[in-house]
Amino acid sequence: MAYDVTIERTTECPTAVVKANTTWEEFPTLWRTLLDDVWGFLGSTPGLRAEGHNVMLYRNGLPEVEVAVEVGVQVTQFFEAAGRVVPSTLPAGEAAVTVHVGKPSEIGAAHDAVRAWCSTQRRPLTGVSWEIYGDPDPQTGHFDVAVYWQLA
């Protein structure tokens, strides 16, 4: 699949997340549990989520490195931590971005495309990346995922 990569100026966005240190090998079996914890918290905290989407933030997320992840949901405001669910933010600043429209299991190709584009354009990365998951289509269940890499 061909990916169009653009530069976007992002604004800080509050999130409710569960943080974890993991490996890329372990992450596919971990993320659902982390996200379930956040949705459980949001269900008992009316008004904290309006139209927010699921998000995954990766710090130092290069393929060969252990990764610090934040799995959660965009929220309307900051809040007091509750158990494993803590307030965080998606970063503000310049980011290279593309949209993944294929199977979620193939999202790595979108990350590869952004990193390759940045290398070609000589735009260094900070190592921080994130994904914002779109709303599922009611008929097909398909959803797009915006993939961001923070520029240095």
C-alpha atoms as a PDB file:
ATOM      1  CA  MET A   1       0.000   0.000   0.000  1.00  0.00           C
ATOM      2  CA  ALA A   2       1.226   3.510  -0.814  1.00  0.00           C
ATOM      3  CA  TYR A   3       1.126   6.056   1.997  1.00  0.00           C
ATOM      4  CA  ASP A   4       0.941   9.830   1.630  1.00  0.00           C
ATOM      5  CA  VAL A   5       3.008  11.464   4.371  1.00  0.00           C
ATOM      6  CA  THR A   6       2.474  15.089   5.355  1.00  0.00           C
ATOM      7  CA  ILE A   7       3.724  17.423   8.069  1.00  0.00           C
ATOM      8  CA  GLU A   8       1.147  18.503  10.632  1.00  0.00           C
ATOM      9  CA  ARG A   9       1.392  20.908  13.561  1.00  0.00           C
ATOM     10  CA  THR A  10      -0.298  19.055  16.416  1.00  0.00           C
ATOM     11  CA  THR A  11      -1.757  20.532  19.568  1.00  0.00           C
ATOM     12  CA  GLU A  12      -1.541  18.975  22.999  1.00  0.00           C
ATOM     13  CA  CYS A  13      -4.504  16.697  23.629  1.00  0.00           C
ATOM     14  CA  PRO A  14      -5.408  15.313  27.077  1.00  0.00           C
ATOM     15  CA  THR A  15      -5.687  11.549  27.376  1.00  0.00           C
ATOM     16  CA  ALA A  16      -6.607   8.937  29.952  1.00  0.00           C
ATOM     17  CA  VAL A  17      -4.072   6.112  29.695  1.00  0.00           C
ATOM     18  CA  VAL A  18      -2.455   3.112  31.278  1.00  0.00           C
ATOM     19  CA  LYS A  19       1.326   3.190  30.915  1.00  0.00           C
ATOM     20  CA  ALA A  20       3.503   0.114  30.491  1.00  0.00           C
ATOM     21  CA  ASN A  21       7.034  -0.862  29.536  1.00  0.00           C
ATOM     22  CA  THR A  22       6.979  -3.800  27.156  1.00  0.00           C
ATOM     23  CA  THR A  23       8.520  -5.321  24.062  1.00  0.00           C
ATOM     24  CA  TRP A  24       7.040  -5.301  20.574  1.00  0.00           C
ATOM     25  CA  GLU A  25       6.681  -9.074  20.870  1.00  0.00           C
ATOM     26  CA  GLU A  26       4.550  -8.790  24.040  1.00  0.00           C
ATOM     27  CA  PHE A  27       2.562  -5.693  23.054  1.00  0.00           C
ATOM     28  CA  PRO A  28      -0.087  -7.408  20.841  1.00  0.00           C
ATOM     29  CA  THR A  29      -1.269  -9.460  23.830  1.00  0.00           C
ATOM     30  CA  LEU A  30      -1.063  -6.533  26.283  1.00  0.00           C
ATOM     31  CA  TRP A  31      -2.790  -3.540  24.687  1.00  0.00           C
ATOM     32  CA  ARG A  32      -6.367  -4.825  24.987  1.00  0.00           C
ATOM     33  CA  THR A  33      -6.086  -5.237  28.785  1.00  0.00           C
ATOM     34  CA  LEU A  34      -4.687  -1.728  29.148  1.00  0.00           C
ATOM     35  CA  LEU A  35      -7.432  -0.223  26.983  1.00  0.00           C
ATOM     36  CA  ASP A  36     -10.147  -2.151  28.860  1.00  0.00           C
ATOM     37  CA  ASP A  37      -8.920  -0.598  32.111  1.00  0.00           C
ATOM     38  CA  VAL A  38      -9.250   2.897  30.616  1.00  0.00           C
ATOM     39  CA  TRP A  39     -12.756   2.239  29.267  1.00  0.00           C
ATOM     40  CA  GLY A  40     -13.801   0.845  32.652  1.00  0.00           C
ATOM     41  CA  PHE A  41     -12.620   4.072  34.288  1.00  0.00           C
ATOM     42  CA  LEU A  42     -14.342   6.249  31.663  1.00  0.00           C
ATOM     43  CA  GLY A  43     -17.595   4.351  32.191  1.00  0.00           C
ATOM     44  CA  SER A  44     -17.575   5.404  35.839  1.00  0.00           C
ATOM     45  CA  THR A  45     -16.535   9.005  35.115  1.00  0.00           C
ATOM     46  CA  PRO A  46     -19.312  10.751  33.151  1.00  0.00           C
ATOM     47  CA  GLY A  47     -18.359  13.708  30.990  1.00  0.00           C
ATOM     48  CA  LEU A  48     -14.632  12.962  30.794  1.00  0.00           C
ATOM     49  CA  ARG A  49     -14.906  11.601  27.265  1.00  0.00           C
ATOM     50  CA  ALA A  50     -16.925  13.427  24.623  1.00  0.00           C
ATOM     51  CA  GLU A  51     -15.870  12.337  21.140  1.00  0.00           C
ATOM     52  CA  GLY A  52     -12.382  11.092  21.992  1.00  0.00           C
ATOM     53  CA  HIS A  53     -10.795   8.192  20.156  1.00  0.00           C
ATOM     54  CA  ASN A  54      -8.582   5.331  21.226  1.00  0.00           C
ATOM     55  CA  VAL A  55      -4.898   6.252  21.178  1.00  0.00           C
ATOM     56  CA  MET A  56      -1.578   4.509  21.553  1.00  0.00           C
ATOM     57  CA  LEU A  57       1.559   6.525  22.268  1.00  0.00           C
ATOM     58  CA  TYR A  58       5.030   5.001  21.946  1.00  0.00           C
ATOM     59  CA  ARG A  59       8.147   6.517  23.471  1.00  0.00           C
ATOM     60  CA  ASN A  60      11.482   5.408  21.990  1.00  0.00           C
ATOM     61  CA  GLY A  61       9.463   3.081  19.826  1.00  0.00           C
ATOM     62  CA  LEU A  62      12.012   1.996  17.270  1.00  0.00           C
ATOM     63  CA  PRO A  63      11.520  -1.629  16.205  1.00  0.00           C
ATOM     64  CA  GLU A  64      14.590  -3.057  17.914  1.00  0.00           C
ATOM     65  CA  VAL A  65      14.066  -1.386  21.299  1.00  0.00           C
ATOM     66  CA  GLU A  66      11.911  -2.078  24.346  1.00  0.00           C
ATOM     67  CA  VAL A  67       9.091   0.431  24.215  1.00  0.00           C
ATOM     68  CA  ALA A  68       7.282   2.567  26.790  1.00  0.00           C
ATOM     69  CA  VAL A  69       3.622   2.674  25.775  1.00  0.00           C
ATOM     70  CA  GLU A  70       0.569   4.657  26.790  1.00  0.00           C
ATOM     71  CA  VAL A  71      -2.712   3.064  25.763  1.00  0.00           C
ATOM     72  CA  GLY A  72      -5.912   5.013  26.239  1.00  0.00           C
ATOM     73  CA  VAL A  73      -8.519   7.453  25.030  1.00  0.00           C
ATOM     74  CA  GLN A  74      -8.657  11.167  24.226  1.00  0.00           C
ATOM     75  CA  VAL A  75     -10.537  13.012  26.987  1.00  0.00           C
ATOM     76  CA  THR A  76     -11.964  16.494  27.550  1.00  0.00           C
ATOM     77  CA  GLN A  77      -9.807  17.541  30.506  1.00  0.00           C
ATOM     78  CA  PHE A  78      -7.201  16.501  33.034  1.00  0.00           C
ATOM     79  CA  PHE A  79      -8.342  14.395  35.997  1.00  0.00           C
ATOM     80  CA  GLU A  80      -7.031  12.720  39.133  1.00  0.00           C
ATOM     81  CA  ALA A  81      -5.348   9.356  38.566  1.00  0.00           C
ATOM     82  CA  ALA A  82      -7.452   6.340  39.493  1.00  0.00           C
ATOM     83  CA  GLY A  83      -5.546   3.090  39.956  1.00  0.00           C
ATOM     84  CA  ARG A  84      -3.563   2.359  36.798  1.00  0.00           C
ATOM     85  CA  VAL A  85      -5.427   5.002  34.772  1.00  0.00           C
ATOM     86  CA  VAL A  86      -3.508   8.278  34.727  1.00  0.00           C
ATOM     87  CA  PRO A  87      -3.771  11.596  32.882  1.00  0.00           C
ATOM     88  CA  SER A  88      -1.365  12.209  30.008  1.00  0.00           C
ATOM     89  CA  THR A  89      -1.253  14.084  26.708  1.00  0.00           C
ATOM     90  CA  LEU A  90      -0.559  13.561  23.055  1.00  0.00           C
ATOM     91  CA  PRO A  91       2.340  15.854  22.150  1.00  0.00           C
ATOM     92  CA  ALA A  92       2.200  19.286  20.561  1.00  0.00           C
ATOM     93  CA  GLY A  93       4.582  20.253  17.772  1.00  0.00           C
ATOM     94  CA  GLU A  94       5.506  19.179  14.286  1.00  0.00           C
ATOM     95  CA  ALA A  95       4.810  15.608  13.283  1.00  0.00           C
ATOM     96  CA  ALA A  96       4.975  13.556  10.120  1.00  0.00           C
ATOM     97  CA  VAL A  97       1.637  11.819   9.632  1.00  0.00           C
ATOM     98  CA  THR A  98      -0.059   9.299   7.382  1.00  0.00           C
ATOM     99  CA  VAL A  99      -3.318   7.367   7.504  1.00  0.00           C
ATOM    100  CA  HIS A 100      -3.416   3.578   7.610  1.00  0.00           C
ATOM    101  CA  VAL A 101      -6.536   2.161   5.939  1.00  0.00           C
ATOM    102  CA  GLY A 102      -5.693  -1.538   5.959  1.00  0.00           C
ATOM    103  CA  LYS A 103      -5.918  -4.260   8.549  1.00  0.00           C
ATOM    104  CA  PRO A 104      -4.838  -3.169  12.052  1.00  0.00           C
ATOM    105  CA  SER A 105      -2.298  -6.006  12.071  1.00  0.00           C
ATOM    106  CA  GLU A 106      -0.540  -4.327   9.113  1.00  0.00           C
ATOM    107  CA  ILE A 107      -0.139  -0.887  10.724  1.00  0.00           C
ATOM    108  CA  GLY A 108       3.617  -1.372  10.937  1.00  0.00           C
ATOM    109  CA  ALA A 109       3.785  -0.564   7.212  1.00  0.00           C
ATOM    110  CA  ALA A 110       2.425   2.928   7.922  1.00  0.00           C
ATOM    111  CA  HIS A 111       5.083   3.491  10.590  1.00  0.00           C
ATOM    112  CA  ASP A 112       7.762   2.249   8.174  1.00  0.00           C
ATOM    113  CA  ALA A 113       6.471   4.623   5.468  1.00  0.00           C
ATOM    114  CA  VAL A 114       6.627   7.655   7.778  1.00  0.00           C
ATOM    115  CA  ARG A 115      10.144   6.819   8.970  1.00  0.00           C
ATOM    116  CA  ALA A 116      11.339   6.232   5.388  1.00  0.00           C
ATOM    117  CA  TRP A 117       9.788   9.523   4.219  1.00  0.00           C
ATOM    118  CA  CYS A 118      11.433  11.404   7.087  1.00  0.00           C
ATOM    119  CA  SER A 119      14.794   9.847   6.242  1.00  0.00           C
ATOM    120  CA  THR A 120      14.444  10.828   2.572  1.00  0.00           C
ATOM    121  CA  GLN A 121      13.395  14.361   3.536  1.00  0.00           C
ATOM    122  CA  ARG A 122      16.194  14.578   6.123  1.00  0.00           C
ATOM    123  CA  ARG A 123      13.701  15.261   8.903  1.00  0.00           C
ATOM    124  CA  PRO A 124      15.030  13.755  12.161  1.00  0.00           C
ATOM    125  CA  LEU A 125      12.600  12.074  14.552  1.00  0.00           C
ATOM    126  CA  THR A 126      12.422  12.224  18.341  1.00  0.00           C
ATOM    127  CA  GLY A 127      11.482   8.537  18.659  1.00  0.00           C
ATOM    128  CA  VAL A 128       7.979   9.413  19.919  1.00  0.00           C
ATOM    129  CA  SER A 129       5.065   8.189  17.812  1.00  0.00           C
ATOM    130  CA  TRP A 130       1.352   7.725  18.305  1.00  0.00           C
ATOM    131  CA  GLU A 131      -1.760   6.387  16.657  1.00  0.00           C
ATOM    132  CA  ILE A 132      -5.280   7.803  16.758  1.00  0.00           C
ATOM    133  CA  TYR A 133      -7.935   5.257  15.883  1.00  0.00           C
ATOM    134  CA  GLY A 134     -10.938   6.514  13.896  1.00  0.00           C
ATOM    135  CA  ASP A 135     -14.566   5.599  14.390  1.00  0.00           C
ATOM    136  CA  PRO A 136     -15.571   2.240  12.909  1.00  0.00           C
ATOM    137  CA  ASP A 137     -17.847   2.243   9.883  1.00  0.00           C
ATOM    138  CA  PRO A 138     -21.200   0.883  11.156  1.00  0.00           C
ATOM    139  CA  GLN A 139     -21.624  -1.384   8.122  1.00  0.00           C
ATOM    140  CA  THR A 140     -18.117  -2.738   7.642  1.00  0.00           C
ATOM    141  CA  GLY A 141     -16.481  -2.237  11.040  1.00  0.00           C
ATOM    142  CA  HIS A 142     -13.470  -0.761   9.182  1.00  0.00           C
ATOM    143  CA  PHE A 143     -11.647   2.165  10.769  1.00  0.00           C
ATOM    144  CA  ASP A 144      -8.751   4.350   9.672  1.00  0.00           C
ATOM    145  CA  VAL A 145      -5.754   4.958  11.923  1.00  0.00           C
ATOM    146  CA  ALA A 146      -3.733   8.187  11.831  1.00  0.00           C
ATOM    147  CA  VAL A 147      -0.042   7.441  12.475  1.00  0.00           C
ATOM    148  CA  TYR A 148       2.149  10.285  13.803  1.00  0.00           C
ATOM    149  CA  TRP A 149       5.902  10.561  14.320  1.00  0.00           C
ATOM    150  CA  GLN A 150       7.159  13.598  16.237  1.00  0.00           C
ATOM    151  CA  LEU A 151       9.802  15.583  14.365  1.00  0.00           C
ATOM    152  CA  ALA A 152      12.933  16.770  16.173  1.00  0.00           C
END
